[in-house]
N, C-alpha and C. Protein backbone atom coordinates (compact mmCIF):
# COMPACT_ATOMS: atom_id res chain seq x y z
N MET A 1 -42.53 24.29 16.90
CA MET A 1 -41.75 25.46 16.51
C MET A 1 -42.12 25.94 15.12
N GLY A 2 -42.68 25.12 14.23
CA GLY A 2 -42.94 25.48 12.84
C GLY A 2 -43.89 26.64 12.64
N ILE A 3 -45.18 26.44 12.91
CA ILE A 3 -46.19 27.47 12.67
C ILE A 3 -46.00 28.66 13.60
N SER A 4 -45.68 28.38 14.84
CA SER A 4 -45.49 29.48 15.80
C SER A 4 -44.30 30.34 15.40
N THR A 5 -43.30 29.74 14.74
CA THR A 5 -42.15 30.51 14.26
C THR A 5 -42.58 31.51 13.19
N LEU A 6 -43.44 31.07 12.29
CA LEU A 6 -43.84 31.92 11.17
C LEU A 6 -44.84 32.99 11.57
N PHE A 7 -45.57 32.76 12.67
CA PHE A 7 -46.61 33.71 13.04
C PHE A 7 -46.39 34.33 14.41
N ASP A 8 -45.15 34.44 14.78
CA ASP A 8 -44.75 35.21 15.95
C ASP A 8 -45.11 36.68 15.67
N PRO A 9 -45.44 37.48 16.68
CA PRO A 9 -45.85 38.87 16.42
C PRO A 9 -44.87 39.68 15.56
N LEU A 10 -43.58 39.55 15.83
CA LEU A 10 -42.61 40.29 15.02
C LEU A 10 -42.56 39.75 13.59
N SER A 11 -42.70 38.43 13.45
CA SER A 11 -42.72 37.82 12.11
C SER A 11 -43.96 38.28 11.34
N VAL A 12 -45.08 38.39 12.03
CA VAL A 12 -46.31 38.85 11.39
C VAL A 12 -46.16 40.30 10.94
N LEU A 13 -45.44 41.10 11.71
CA LEU A 13 -45.19 42.49 11.32
C LEU A 13 -44.38 42.55 10.02
N VAL A 14 -43.35 41.72 9.92
CA VAL A 14 -42.56 41.65 8.68
C VAL A 14 -43.44 41.13 7.54
N LEU A 15 -44.25 40.12 7.83
CA LEU A 15 -45.16 39.58 6.81
C LEU A 15 -46.12 40.65 6.31
N ALA A 16 -46.67 41.45 7.22
CA ALA A 16 -47.60 42.52 6.82
C ALA A 16 -46.90 43.54 5.91
N ALA A 17 -45.68 43.91 6.25
CA ALA A 17 -44.93 44.85 5.41
C ALA A 17 -44.66 44.25 4.04
N VAL A 18 -44.28 42.98 4.01
CA VAL A 18 -44.00 42.29 2.75
C VAL A 18 -45.27 42.21 1.90
N LEU A 19 -46.39 41.86 2.53
CA LEU A 19 -47.65 41.77 1.79
C LEU A 19 -48.07 43.14 1.25
N GLY A 20 -47.85 44.18 2.03
CA GLY A 20 -48.17 45.53 1.55
C GLY A 20 -47.35 45.91 0.32
N MET A 21 -46.05 45.65 0.38
CA MET A 21 -45.18 45.96 -0.77
C MET A 21 -45.53 45.09 -1.97
N THR A 22 -45.83 43.82 -1.72
CA THR A 22 -46.19 42.92 -2.82
C THR A 22 -47.53 43.32 -3.43
N GLY A 23 -48.49 43.68 -2.58
CA GLY A 23 -49.80 44.12 -3.09
C GLY A 23 -49.68 45.37 -3.94
N THR A 24 -48.89 46.33 -3.48
CA THR A 24 -48.67 47.55 -4.25
C THR A 24 -48.02 47.23 -5.59
N SER A 25 -47.01 46.38 -5.56
CA SER A 25 -46.31 46.00 -6.79
C SER A 25 -47.23 45.26 -7.75
N ALA A 26 -48.06 44.37 -7.21
CA ALA A 26 -49.01 43.63 -8.06
C ALA A 26 -50.04 44.57 -8.67
N LEU A 27 -50.46 45.57 -7.92
CA LEU A 27 -51.39 46.57 -8.46
C LEU A 27 -50.74 47.34 -9.60
N TRP A 28 -49.50 47.74 -9.41
CA TRP A 28 -48.78 48.44 -10.49
C TRP A 28 -48.67 47.55 -11.72
N PHE A 29 -48.36 46.26 -11.52
CA PHE A 29 -48.28 45.36 -12.66
C PHE A 29 -49.62 45.25 -13.36
N ARG A 30 -50.70 45.12 -12.60
CA ARG A 30 -52.04 45.00 -13.19
C ARG A 30 -52.38 46.24 -14.01
N GLN A 31 -52.06 47.41 -13.50
CA GLN A 31 -52.29 48.64 -14.27
C GLN A 31 -51.46 48.63 -15.54
N GLY A 32 -50.23 48.15 -15.44
CA GLY A 32 -49.37 48.04 -16.63
C GLY A 32 -49.92 47.04 -17.63
N GLN A 33 -50.47 45.94 -17.14
CA GLN A 33 -51.07 44.94 -18.03
C GLN A 33 -52.25 45.52 -18.78
N GLN A 34 -53.09 46.29 -18.09
CA GLN A 34 -54.23 46.94 -18.75
C GLN A 34 -53.74 47.95 -19.79
N ALA A 35 -52.70 48.69 -19.45
CA ALA A 35 -52.14 49.65 -20.40
C ALA A 35 -51.55 48.93 -21.61
N PHE A 36 -50.88 47.81 -21.37
CA PHE A 36 -50.33 47.01 -22.46
C PHE A 36 -51.44 46.56 -23.40
N ASP A 37 -52.54 46.07 -22.83
CA ASP A 37 -53.67 45.64 -23.65
C ASP A 37 -54.22 46.79 -24.49
N GLN A 38 -54.28 47.99 -23.92
CA GLN A 38 -54.77 49.15 -24.67
C GLN A 38 -53.81 49.53 -25.78
N VAL A 39 -52.51 49.50 -25.48
CA VAL A 39 -51.52 49.84 -26.51
C VAL A 39 -51.57 48.83 -27.64
N VAL A 40 -51.63 47.55 -27.31
CA VAL A 40 -51.70 46.52 -28.35
C VAL A 40 -52.98 46.67 -29.16
N GLY A 41 -54.07 47.05 -28.49
CA GLY A 41 -55.34 47.27 -29.19
C GLY A 41 -55.31 48.47 -30.12
N ALA A 42 -54.38 49.38 -29.89
CA ALA A 42 -54.31 50.59 -30.70
C ALA A 42 -53.15 50.57 -31.69
N LEU A 43 -52.61 49.41 -31.96
CA LEU A 43 -51.46 49.35 -32.87
C LEU A 43 -51.81 49.78 -34.29
N GLU A 44 -53.06 49.58 -34.69
CA GLU A 44 -53.46 50.01 -36.03
C GLU A 44 -53.35 51.53 -36.15
N VAL A 45 -53.74 52.22 -35.10
CA VAL A 45 -53.60 53.68 -35.09
C VAL A 45 -52.13 54.05 -35.20
N LEU A 46 -51.27 53.33 -34.49
CA LEU A 46 -49.84 53.60 -34.53
C LEU A 46 -49.29 53.34 -35.93
N ARG A 47 -49.77 52.29 -36.59
CA ARG A 47 -49.34 52.02 -37.98
C ARG A 47 -49.72 53.19 -38.89
N GLN A 48 -50.94 53.69 -38.71
CA GLN A 48 -51.39 54.83 -39.53
C GLN A 48 -50.56 56.07 -39.26
N ILE A 49 -50.27 56.30 -37.98
CA ILE A 49 -49.45 57.47 -37.62
C ILE A 49 -48.07 57.34 -38.24
N ALA A 50 -47.48 56.15 -38.15
CA ALA A 50 -46.15 55.94 -38.73
C ALA A 50 -46.17 56.16 -40.23
N GLY A 51 -47.24 55.74 -40.88
CA GLY A 51 -47.33 55.93 -42.33
C GLY A 51 -47.48 57.39 -42.71
N GLN A 52 -47.93 58.23 -41.78
CA GLN A 52 -48.14 59.65 -42.07
C GLN A 52 -46.97 60.53 -41.61
N LEU A 53 -45.95 59.93 -41.03
CA LEU A 53 -44.81 60.72 -40.57
C LEU A 53 -44.10 61.36 -41.77
N ALA A 54 -43.74 62.59 -41.62
CA ALA A 54 -43.00 63.28 -42.68
C ALA A 54 -41.63 62.63 -42.85
N ASP A 55 -41.08 62.78 -44.05
CA ASP A 55 -39.79 62.15 -44.34
C ASP A 55 -38.69 62.64 -43.41
N ASP A 56 -38.81 63.88 -42.94
CA ASP A 56 -37.76 64.43 -42.07
C ASP A 56 -38.09 64.32 -40.58
N HIS A 57 -39.15 63.59 -40.24
CA HIS A 57 -39.52 63.41 -38.83
C HIS A 57 -38.42 62.61 -38.14
N PRO A 58 -37.96 63.03 -36.94
CA PRO A 58 -36.85 62.33 -36.27
C PRO A 58 -37.12 60.85 -36.00
N ILE A 59 -38.35 60.51 -35.65
CA ILE A 59 -38.66 59.10 -35.38
C ILE A 59 -38.56 58.31 -36.67
N ARG A 60 -39.07 58.85 -37.74
CA ARG A 60 -39.00 58.16 -39.04
C ARG A 60 -37.54 57.96 -39.46
N ARG A 61 -36.73 58.99 -39.32
CA ARG A 61 -35.31 58.88 -39.71
C ARG A 61 -34.60 57.82 -38.88
N ARG A 62 -34.88 57.79 -37.56
CA ARG A 62 -34.22 56.80 -36.69
C ARG A 62 -34.65 55.39 -37.05
N LEU A 63 -35.93 55.20 -37.31
CA LEU A 63 -36.41 53.86 -37.64
C LEU A 63 -35.87 53.39 -39.00
N GLU A 64 -35.80 54.28 -39.96
CA GLU A 64 -35.32 53.89 -41.28
C GLU A 64 -33.81 53.68 -41.28
N ALA A 65 -33.09 54.45 -40.45
CA ALA A 65 -31.64 54.32 -40.42
C ALA A 65 -31.20 53.03 -39.74
N ALA A 66 -31.84 52.70 -38.65
CA ALA A 66 -31.46 51.51 -37.89
C ALA A 66 -32.69 50.99 -37.16
N PRO A 67 -33.40 50.03 -37.72
CA PRO A 67 -34.64 49.55 -37.12
C PRO A 67 -34.48 48.97 -35.72
N VAL A 68 -33.27 48.64 -35.32
CA VAL A 68 -33.09 48.07 -33.99
C VAL A 68 -33.04 49.13 -32.91
N VAL A 69 -33.00 50.40 -33.30
CA VAL A 69 -32.96 51.47 -32.31
C VAL A 69 -34.26 51.46 -31.52
N ASP A 70 -34.14 51.51 -30.23
CA ASP A 70 -35.32 51.53 -29.37
C ASP A 70 -35.85 52.95 -29.25
N LEU A 71 -37.11 53.10 -29.54
CA LEU A 71 -37.77 54.36 -29.24
C LEU A 71 -38.30 54.27 -27.83
N SER A 72 -38.14 55.33 -27.09
CA SER A 72 -38.64 55.30 -25.72
C SER A 72 -40.16 55.47 -25.74
N PHE A 73 -40.78 55.00 -24.68
CA PHE A 73 -42.23 55.16 -24.59
C PHE A 73 -42.60 56.63 -24.45
N GLU A 74 -41.67 57.45 -23.97
CA GLU A 74 -41.95 58.88 -23.92
C GLU A 74 -42.15 59.43 -25.33
N GLU A 75 -41.30 58.99 -26.27
CA GLU A 75 -41.45 59.42 -27.66
C GLU A 75 -42.75 58.90 -28.27
N ILE A 76 -43.07 57.65 -27.99
CA ILE A 76 -44.30 57.06 -28.50
C ILE A 76 -45.51 57.79 -27.92
N THR A 77 -45.43 58.14 -26.65
CA THR A 77 -46.53 58.85 -26.01
C THR A 77 -46.77 60.19 -26.69
N ARG A 78 -45.70 60.91 -26.97
CA ARG A 78 -45.85 62.20 -27.67
C ARG A 78 -46.42 61.99 -29.07
N LEU A 79 -46.02 60.91 -29.71
CA LEU A 79 -46.50 60.61 -31.05
C LEU A 79 -47.98 60.27 -31.04
N LEU A 80 -48.44 59.58 -30.01
CA LEU A 80 -49.83 59.13 -29.94
C LEU A 80 -50.79 60.18 -29.38
N ASP A 81 -50.29 61.13 -28.62
CA ASP A 81 -51.17 62.12 -27.99
C ASP A 81 -52.00 62.86 -29.03
N GLY A 82 -53.30 62.83 -28.81
CA GLY A 82 -54.21 63.57 -29.67
C GLY A 82 -54.45 62.94 -31.03
N LYS A 83 -54.04 61.72 -31.23
CA LYS A 83 -54.21 61.08 -32.54
C LYS A 83 -55.39 60.12 -32.49
N GLY A 84 -56.49 60.50 -33.05
CA GLY A 84 -57.63 59.61 -33.20
C GLY A 84 -58.35 59.30 -31.91
N PRO A 85 -59.32 58.37 -31.98
CA PRO A 85 -60.14 58.04 -30.81
C PRO A 85 -59.43 57.08 -29.85
N SER A 86 -58.25 56.67 -30.18
CA SER A 86 -57.53 55.69 -29.38
C SER A 86 -57.14 56.26 -28.02
N ARG A 87 -57.09 55.38 -27.03
CA ARG A 87 -56.61 55.76 -25.71
C ARG A 87 -55.18 55.27 -25.53
N ALA A 88 -54.45 55.16 -26.61
CA ALA A 88 -53.11 54.62 -26.55
C ALA A 88 -52.12 55.58 -25.90
N GLY A 89 -52.33 56.87 -26.04
CA GLY A 89 -51.44 57.84 -25.41
C GLY A 89 -51.37 57.68 -23.91
N PRO A 90 -52.54 57.72 -23.21
CA PRO A 90 -52.51 57.48 -21.76
C PRO A 90 -51.98 56.09 -21.40
N ALA A 91 -52.27 55.10 -22.23
CA ALA A 91 -51.78 53.75 -21.95
C ALA A 91 -50.26 53.72 -22.07
N ALA A 92 -49.71 54.39 -23.07
CA ALA A 92 -48.25 54.44 -23.21
C ALA A 92 -47.63 55.16 -22.02
N ARG A 93 -48.30 56.22 -21.53
CA ARG A 93 -47.80 56.91 -20.33
C ARG A 93 -47.85 55.98 -19.11
N ALA A 94 -48.88 55.13 -19.03
CA ALA A 94 -48.97 54.18 -17.92
C ALA A 94 -47.82 53.18 -17.98
N LEU A 95 -47.42 52.78 -19.18
CA LEU A 95 -46.27 51.88 -19.31
C LEU A 95 -44.97 52.58 -18.94
N VAL A 96 -44.88 53.87 -19.24
CA VAL A 96 -43.72 54.66 -18.81
C VAL A 96 -43.65 54.66 -17.29
N ARG A 97 -44.80 54.90 -16.64
CA ARG A 97 -44.83 54.89 -15.17
C ARG A 97 -44.44 53.52 -14.61
N LEU A 98 -44.94 52.45 -15.24
CA LEU A 98 -44.57 51.11 -14.78
C LEU A 98 -43.08 50.90 -14.91
N ASN A 99 -42.51 51.35 -15.99
CA ASN A 99 -41.06 51.22 -16.19
C ASN A 99 -40.30 51.94 -15.08
N GLU A 100 -40.80 53.10 -14.67
CA GLU A 100 -40.16 53.84 -13.59
C GLU A 100 -40.37 53.14 -12.25
N ARG A 101 -41.49 52.45 -12.09
CA ARG A 101 -41.80 51.79 -10.82
C ARG A 101 -41.05 50.48 -10.63
N ILE A 102 -40.49 49.94 -11.68
CA ILE A 102 -39.72 48.70 -11.55
C ILE A 102 -38.58 48.90 -10.55
N ALA A 103 -37.96 50.05 -10.60
CA ALA A 103 -36.88 50.32 -9.63
C ALA A 103 -37.42 50.28 -8.21
N TRP A 104 -38.64 50.78 -8.01
CA TRP A 104 -39.24 50.73 -6.68
C TRP A 104 -39.56 49.30 -6.26
N ILE A 105 -40.03 48.50 -7.20
CA ILE A 105 -40.33 47.10 -6.88
C ILE A 105 -39.05 46.38 -6.46
N GLU A 106 -37.97 46.64 -7.19
CA GLU A 106 -36.68 46.04 -6.82
C GLU A 106 -36.21 46.55 -5.47
N ARG A 107 -36.47 47.81 -5.20
CA ARG A 107 -36.13 48.38 -3.89
C ARG A 107 -36.98 47.74 -2.79
N PHE A 108 -38.26 47.48 -3.09
CA PHE A 108 -39.12 46.78 -2.13
C PHE A 108 -38.53 45.41 -1.79
N ALA A 109 -38.01 44.71 -2.79
CA ALA A 109 -37.40 43.40 -2.54
C ALA A 109 -36.21 43.54 -1.59
N GLN A 110 -35.43 44.58 -1.78
CA GLN A 110 -34.31 44.83 -0.87
C GLN A 110 -34.82 45.16 0.53
N PHE A 111 -35.88 45.97 0.61
CA PHE A 111 -36.46 46.31 1.91
C PHE A 111 -36.94 45.05 2.62
N ALA A 112 -37.54 44.13 1.88
CA ALA A 112 -38.05 42.89 2.48
C ALA A 112 -36.91 42.11 3.13
N VAL A 113 -35.80 41.98 2.42
CA VAL A 113 -34.65 41.28 2.99
C VAL A 113 -34.15 42.02 4.22
N HIS A 114 -34.05 43.33 4.11
CA HIS A 114 -33.55 44.12 5.23
C HIS A 114 -34.47 44.03 6.44
N LEU A 115 -35.78 44.03 6.20
CA LEU A 115 -36.71 43.89 7.32
C LEU A 115 -36.55 42.53 7.99
N GLY A 116 -36.37 41.49 7.19
CA GLY A 116 -36.15 40.16 7.76
C GLY A 116 -34.90 40.10 8.60
N ILE A 117 -33.82 40.68 8.10
CA ILE A 117 -32.57 40.69 8.86
C ILE A 117 -32.71 41.57 10.10
N LEU A 118 -33.38 42.71 9.95
CA LEU A 118 -33.60 43.58 11.11
C LEU A 118 -34.39 42.86 12.20
N GLY A 119 -35.42 42.12 11.80
CA GLY A 119 -36.19 41.34 12.77
C GLY A 119 -35.33 40.29 13.45
N THR A 120 -34.46 39.66 12.68
CA THR A 120 -33.56 38.66 13.24
C THR A 120 -32.62 39.28 14.27
N VAL A 121 -32.00 40.37 13.87
CA VAL A 121 -31.07 41.04 14.77
C VAL A 121 -31.79 41.54 16.02
N PHE A 122 -32.96 42.14 15.84
CA PHE A 122 -33.72 42.62 16.99
C PHE A 122 -34.06 41.49 17.94
N ALA A 123 -34.52 40.36 17.38
CA ALA A 123 -34.89 39.22 18.23
C ALA A 123 -33.68 38.70 19.00
N LEU A 124 -32.55 38.62 18.36
CA LEU A 124 -31.35 38.10 19.03
C LEU A 124 -30.79 39.10 20.04
N LEU A 125 -30.83 40.39 19.70
CA LEU A 125 -30.31 41.40 20.63
C LEU A 125 -31.22 41.60 21.84
N SER A 126 -32.52 41.35 21.65
CA SER A 126 -33.44 41.55 22.77
C SER A 126 -33.41 40.39 23.75
N SER A 127 -32.67 39.36 23.43
CA SER A 127 -32.55 38.23 24.36
C SER A 127 -31.25 38.36 25.14
N ASP A 128 -31.21 37.71 26.25
CA ASP A 128 -30.01 37.71 27.08
C ASP A 128 -29.17 36.50 26.69
N PRO A 129 -27.98 36.70 26.09
CA PRO A 129 -27.18 35.56 25.65
C PRO A 129 -26.68 34.69 26.80
N THR A 130 -26.72 35.23 28.02
CA THR A 130 -26.29 34.40 29.15
C THR A 130 -27.41 33.47 29.62
N ASP A 131 -28.64 33.79 29.23
CA ASP A 131 -29.80 32.94 29.57
C ASP A 131 -30.11 32.07 28.36
N LEU A 132 -29.64 30.85 28.38
CA LEU A 132 -29.77 29.96 27.23
C LEU A 132 -31.23 29.69 26.88
N GLU A 133 -32.08 29.52 27.85
CA GLU A 133 -33.51 29.28 27.57
C GLU A 133 -34.16 30.50 26.94
N GLY A 134 -33.87 31.69 27.44
CA GLY A 134 -34.41 32.93 26.88
C GLY A 134 -33.92 33.16 25.46
N PHE A 135 -32.64 32.84 25.24
CA PHE A 135 -32.07 32.98 23.90
C PHE A 135 -32.75 32.03 22.93
N ARG A 136 -32.95 30.79 23.35
CA ARG A 136 -33.64 29.82 22.50
C ARG A 136 -35.08 30.22 22.24
N ALA A 137 -35.70 30.87 23.19
CA ALA A 137 -37.10 31.30 23.02
C ALA A 137 -37.22 32.38 21.94
N ARG A 138 -36.17 33.16 21.74
CA ARG A 138 -36.20 34.24 20.74
C ARG A 138 -35.82 33.74 19.34
N LEU A 139 -35.24 32.56 19.24
CA LEU A 139 -34.84 32.03 17.92
C LEU A 139 -36.00 31.88 16.94
N PRO A 140 -37.18 31.41 17.36
CA PRO A 140 -38.28 31.33 16.40
C PRO A 140 -38.65 32.68 15.79
N THR A 141 -38.61 33.73 16.60
CA THR A 141 -38.88 35.07 16.06
C THR A 141 -37.83 35.44 15.02
N ALA A 142 -36.59 35.17 15.34
CA ALA A 142 -35.51 35.49 14.40
C ALA A 142 -35.68 34.72 13.10
N LEU A 143 -36.00 33.45 13.20
CA LEU A 143 -36.17 32.64 11.99
C LEU A 143 -37.41 33.06 11.20
N GLY A 144 -38.49 33.39 11.89
CA GLY A 144 -39.72 33.80 11.21
C GLY A 144 -39.56 35.09 10.42
N THR A 145 -38.89 36.07 11.03
CA THR A 145 -38.70 37.34 10.31
C THR A 145 -37.79 37.15 9.10
N THR A 146 -36.76 36.34 9.25
CA THR A 146 -35.87 36.06 8.12
C THR A 146 -36.63 35.35 7.01
N PHE A 147 -37.44 34.37 7.37
CA PHE A 147 -38.21 33.62 6.39
C PHE A 147 -39.12 34.55 5.58
N TRP A 148 -39.92 35.37 6.25
CA TRP A 148 -40.85 36.24 5.53
C TRP A 148 -40.11 37.30 4.71
N GLY A 149 -38.98 37.78 5.21
CA GLY A 149 -38.20 38.73 4.43
C GLY A 149 -37.69 38.12 3.13
N LEU A 150 -37.19 36.89 3.22
CA LEU A 150 -36.68 36.22 2.02
C LEU A 150 -37.80 35.83 1.05
N ILE A 151 -38.91 35.35 1.59
CA ILE A 151 -40.05 35.01 0.72
C ILE A 151 -40.55 36.27 0.01
N GLY A 152 -40.63 37.36 0.76
CA GLY A 152 -41.06 38.63 0.15
C GLY A 152 -40.12 39.08 -0.95
N ALA A 153 -38.82 38.95 -0.71
CA ALA A 153 -37.84 39.35 -1.73
C ALA A 153 -38.00 38.51 -2.99
N LEU A 154 -38.23 37.21 -2.81
CA LEU A 154 -38.43 36.35 -3.98
C LEU A 154 -39.69 36.75 -4.75
N MET A 155 -40.78 36.98 -4.04
CA MET A 155 -42.04 37.37 -4.72
C MET A 155 -41.87 38.70 -5.44
N LEU A 156 -41.26 39.66 -4.78
CA LEU A 156 -41.10 40.98 -5.38
C LEU A 156 -40.15 40.94 -6.57
N SER A 157 -39.12 40.12 -6.49
CA SER A 157 -38.21 39.98 -7.63
C SER A 157 -38.95 39.37 -8.82
N ALA A 158 -39.85 38.42 -8.55
CA ALA A 158 -40.64 37.83 -9.63
C ALA A 158 -41.57 38.87 -10.25
N VAL A 159 -42.18 39.71 -9.44
CA VAL A 159 -43.06 40.76 -9.96
C VAL A 159 -42.25 41.74 -10.81
N ALA A 160 -41.06 42.13 -10.34
CA ALA A 160 -40.21 43.05 -11.10
C ALA A 160 -39.84 42.44 -12.45
N GLY A 161 -39.48 41.15 -12.45
CA GLY A 161 -39.14 40.49 -13.71
C GLY A 161 -40.32 40.41 -14.66
N THR A 162 -41.50 40.18 -14.12
CA THR A 162 -42.71 40.13 -14.95
C THR A 162 -43.00 41.50 -15.54
N CYS A 163 -42.80 42.55 -14.76
CA CYS A 163 -43.01 43.91 -15.27
C CYS A 163 -42.02 44.24 -16.38
N GLU A 164 -40.75 43.85 -16.18
CA GLU A 164 -39.74 44.08 -17.22
C GLU A 164 -40.10 43.35 -18.51
N SER A 165 -40.58 42.13 -18.38
CA SER A 165 -40.99 41.35 -19.54
C SER A 165 -42.17 42.01 -20.26
N LEU A 166 -43.13 42.50 -19.50
CA LEU A 166 -44.29 43.19 -20.08
C LEU A 166 -43.86 44.42 -20.86
N ILE A 167 -42.96 45.20 -20.30
CA ILE A 167 -42.50 46.42 -20.98
C ILE A 167 -41.73 46.05 -22.25
N GLU A 168 -40.91 45.02 -22.18
CA GLU A 168 -40.15 44.62 -23.36
C GLU A 168 -41.08 44.13 -24.47
N ARG A 169 -42.12 43.37 -24.11
CA ARG A 169 -43.10 42.92 -25.10
C ARG A 169 -43.82 44.12 -25.72
N ALA A 170 -44.17 45.10 -24.90
CA ALA A 170 -44.84 46.29 -25.42
C ALA A 170 -43.93 47.04 -26.38
N ARG A 171 -42.65 47.17 -26.04
CA ARG A 171 -41.70 47.84 -26.94
C ARG A 171 -41.61 47.12 -28.27
N LEU A 172 -41.57 45.80 -28.22
CA LEU A 172 -41.48 45.01 -29.44
C LEU A 172 -42.71 45.21 -30.32
N HIS A 173 -43.90 45.14 -29.72
CA HIS A 173 -45.14 45.35 -30.48
C HIS A 173 -45.17 46.75 -31.10
N VAL A 174 -44.81 47.75 -30.33
CA VAL A 174 -44.84 49.13 -30.83
C VAL A 174 -43.83 49.32 -31.94
N ARG A 175 -42.62 48.80 -31.75
CA ARG A 175 -41.58 48.94 -32.77
C ARG A 175 -42.02 48.28 -34.07
N MET A 176 -42.62 47.08 -33.96
CA MET A 176 -43.08 46.37 -35.16
C MET A 176 -44.21 47.13 -35.85
N ALA A 177 -45.12 47.71 -35.07
CA ALA A 177 -46.22 48.48 -35.67
C ALA A 177 -45.69 49.70 -36.40
N LEU A 178 -44.71 50.38 -35.79
CA LEU A 178 -44.12 51.55 -36.46
C LEU A 178 -43.44 51.15 -37.76
N LEU A 179 -42.68 50.07 -37.72
CA LEU A 179 -42.00 49.63 -38.94
C LEU A 179 -43.00 49.21 -40.02
N GLU A 180 -44.07 48.52 -39.61
CA GLU A 180 -45.09 48.12 -40.58
C GLU A 180 -45.77 49.34 -41.19
N GLY A 181 -46.00 50.37 -40.38
CA GLY A 181 -46.59 51.61 -40.90
C GLY A 181 -45.69 52.29 -41.90
N LEU A 182 -44.38 52.29 -41.61
CA LEU A 182 -43.43 52.88 -42.56
C LEU A 182 -43.36 52.06 -43.85
N GLU A 183 -43.43 50.74 -43.73
CA GLU A 183 -43.40 49.88 -44.91
C GLU A 183 -44.64 50.09 -45.77
N GLN A 184 -45.80 50.26 -45.13
CA GLN A 184 -47.03 50.50 -45.89
C GLN A 184 -46.93 51.79 -46.68
N ARG A 185 -46.32 52.79 -46.07
CA ARG A 185 -46.17 54.06 -46.79
C ARG A 185 -45.21 53.89 -47.95
N SER A 186 -44.14 53.12 -47.73
CA SER A 186 -43.17 52.87 -48.81
C SER A 186 -43.84 52.13 -49.95
N ASP A 187 -44.70 51.16 -49.60
CA ASP A 187 -45.39 50.39 -50.62
C ASP A 187 -46.40 51.25 -51.37
N GLN A 188 -47.02 52.20 -50.69
CA GLN A 188 -48.03 53.05 -51.33
C GLN A 188 -47.39 54.20 -52.09
N GLY A 189 -46.16 54.56 -51.74
CA GLY A 189 -45.49 55.70 -52.37
C GLY A 189 -45.41 55.58 -53.89
N PRO A 190 -44.86 54.51 -54.44
CA PRO A 190 -44.76 54.39 -55.89
C PRO A 190 -46.12 54.33 -56.58
N VAL A 191 -47.11 53.75 -55.88
CA VAL A 191 -48.43 53.65 -56.49
C VAL A 191 -49.03 55.04 -56.66
N GLN A 192 -48.84 55.94 -55.71
CA GLN A 192 -49.41 57.28 -55.79
C GLN A 192 -48.72 58.13 -56.83
N SER A 193 -47.47 57.85 -57.15
CA SER A 193 -46.75 58.69 -58.11
C SER A 193 -47.12 58.37 -59.55
N LYS A 194 -47.81 57.24 -59.81
CA LYS A 194 -48.15 56.88 -61.19
C LYS A 194 -49.30 57.70 -61.70
């Protein structure tokens, strides 16, 4: 009952759907990881940009007033667009897209559970409850679809958590680079006035 339960045709259909959603989610994460690497590689440009912000620039005022305020990646993207040879602007936009896709990854996890339950219900409803042997024959299908649905939900939840962690790390790096750029300007300010 073990292997045949997991690879029953209906179970394989649920497995294929789960693998498709997981593959898509993993691709989105990989693109986000590449964007993160580009943003981290361009932090020096961001420090320079922060040091050149006018005193009345809204981002500068927010950072100086309360450094814990989170700047959205949309704001960072606008700040980086067209600044120097860096490809940080498109990378920041890719992280914005990944942030938006996290909701889809979490939805995929829900779909995986629902597909597993749907397979279970279908397997049980398609059997005749008065025929005990026929009912028992459909149980492996029911168990296989439930198994793959739950495994898929666990994998997709892990991918969503990893994406959230990646975005949070990127926000931290960007925030620190902006603050360091503002500090460099503050340190250079008195020197230039002499």
